[in-house]
């Protein structure tokens, strides 16, 4: 008698765990980069840099009312981007995190 054993459930759980780990590592990395390049006057802007995972989606944000003016500038003030460069300047590191995390335990 031949018996087939499905490991799809175990594989899916491992993949979900690996994806969550990759999101967490990516969030920590990018928040660190945001913090490093955030302009500091009073420190309020920097203290409101956040990385949050909701439903398997990583969101970087800053809920300070003037964050968008610092990020994009105004007609009176030059832009001092701190959010976009965090992600855009580190795509290689992000890719490495995901490759490492998604391959972990899948062999």
Protein backbone atom coordinates (compact mmCIF):
# COMPACT_ATOMS: atom_id res chain seq x y z
CA UNK A 1 0.00 0.00 0.00
CA UNK A 2 1.27 3.47 -0.90
CA UNK A 3 0.42 6.28 1.46
CA UNK A 4 0.73 9.90 0.47
CA UNK A 5 1.30 12.43 3.22
CA UNK A 6 0.51 16.05 2.55
CA UNK A 7 2.89 18.56 4.04
CA UNK A 8 1.19 21.56 2.46
CA UNK A 9 -0.17 22.80 5.80
CA UNK A 10 3.24 22.61 7.47
CA UNK A 11 4.86 24.28 4.46
CA UNK A 12 2.27 27.10 4.52
CA UNK A 13 2.75 27.68 8.25
CA UNK A 14 6.53 27.81 7.83
CA UNK A 15 6.17 30.21 4.92
CA UNK A 16 3.84 32.45 6.96
CA UNK A 17 6.30 32.45 9.88
CA UNK A 18 9.19 33.25 7.56
CA UNK A 19 7.24 36.07 5.92
CA UNK A 20 6.40 37.58 9.31
CA UNK A 21 10.05 37.37 10.35
CA UNK A 22 11.12 39.07 7.11
CA UNK A 23 8.58 41.86 7.65
CA UNK A 24 9.80 42.40 11.21
CA UNK A 25 13.47 42.50 10.20
CA UNK A 26 12.72 44.82 7.29
CA UNK A 27 10.71 47.13 9.55
CA UNK A 28 13.49 47.32 12.13
CA UNK A 29 16.08 48.00 9.44
CA UNK A 30 14.07 50.70 7.67
CA UNK A 31 12.99 52.43 10.87
CA UNK A 32 16.66 52.56 11.86
CA UNK A 33 17.54 54.18 8.55
CA UNK A 34 14.66 56.63 8.95
CA UNK A 35 15.90 57.56 12.41
CA UNK A 36 19.45 58.08 11.08
CA UNK A 37 18.41 60.60 8.43
CA UNK A 38 15.51 62.35 10.16
CA UNK A 39 16.34 66.03 10.66
CA UNK A 40 16.36 66.88 14.36
CA UNK A 41 15.34 70.19 15.87
CA UNK A 42 13.34 69.24 18.96
CA UNK A 43 13.42 65.46 18.41
CA UNK A 44 9.63 65.20 18.06
CA UNK A 45 9.78 64.22 14.38
CA UNK A 46 12.34 61.48 14.97
CA UNK A 47 10.47 60.10 17.98
CA UNK A 48 7.38 59.57 15.83
CA UNK A 49 9.02 57.40 13.15
CA UNK A 50 7.13 54.11 13.11
CA UNK A 51 7.24 50.75 11.34
CA UNK A 52 4.09 48.69 11.78
CA UNK A 53 2.90 45.37 10.41
CA UNK A 54 -0.81 45.00 9.79
CA UNK A 55 -2.22 42.01 7.90
CA UNK A 56 1.16 41.01 6.45
CA UNK A 57 1.88 44.51 5.22
CA UNK A 58 4.72 46.70 6.47
CA UNK A 59 3.94 50.39 6.78
CA UNK A 60 6.49 53.08 7.54
CA UNK A 61 4.97 56.31 8.78
CA UNK A 62 5.36 59.37 10.93
CA UNK A 63 2.23 60.84 12.49
CA UNK A 64 3.73 64.21 13.35
CA UNK A 65 1.50 66.84 11.68
CA UNK A 66 4.43 68.48 9.89
CA UNK A 67 6.22 65.28 8.73
CA UNK A 68 4.90 65.61 5.17
CA UNK A 69 6.27 69.15 4.91
CA UNK A 70 9.72 67.99 6.00
CA UNK A 71 9.60 64.97 3.66
CA UNK A 72 8.33 66.80 0.57
CA UNK A 73 9.15 70.45 1.31
CA UNK A 74 7.02 73.52 0.70
CA UNK A 75 7.43 76.55 -1.48
CA UNK A 76 9.24 78.16 1.48
CA UNK A 77 11.24 75.17 2.70
CA UNK A 78 13.38 72.64 0.87
CA UNK A 79 12.49 68.97 1.21
CA UNK A 80 14.48 66.91 3.70
CA UNK A 81 13.36 63.38 2.83
CA UNK A 82 13.78 60.85 5.60
CA UNK A 83 11.15 58.21 4.82
CA UNK A 84 11.57 57.53 1.11
CA UNK A 85 15.38 57.21 1.22
CA UNK A 86 15.10 54.65 4.02
CA UNK A 87 13.43 52.21 1.64
CA UNK A 88 14.73 53.30 -1.75
CA UNK A 89 18.41 53.42 -0.81
CA UNK A 90 18.49 50.00 0.81
CA UNK A 91 16.73 47.66 -1.61
CA UNK A 92 19.72 45.30 -1.72
CA UNK A 93 19.60 44.75 2.03
CA UNK A 94 15.83 44.29 1.93
CA UNK A 95 16.22 41.68 -0.80
CA UNK A 96 18.83 39.81 1.27
CA UNK A 97 16.53 39.77 4.32
CA UNK A 98 13.68 38.32 2.27
CA UNK A 99 15.81 35.72 0.51
CA UNK A 100 17.30 34.58 3.81
CA UNK A 101 13.95 34.57 5.67
CA UNK A 102 11.89 32.87 2.99
CA UNK A 103 14.46 30.11 2.47
CA UNK A 104 14.89 29.42 6.20
CA UNK A 105 13.59 26.01 7.19
CA UNK A 106 12.14 25.27 3.76
CA UNK A 107 14.63 22.56 2.81
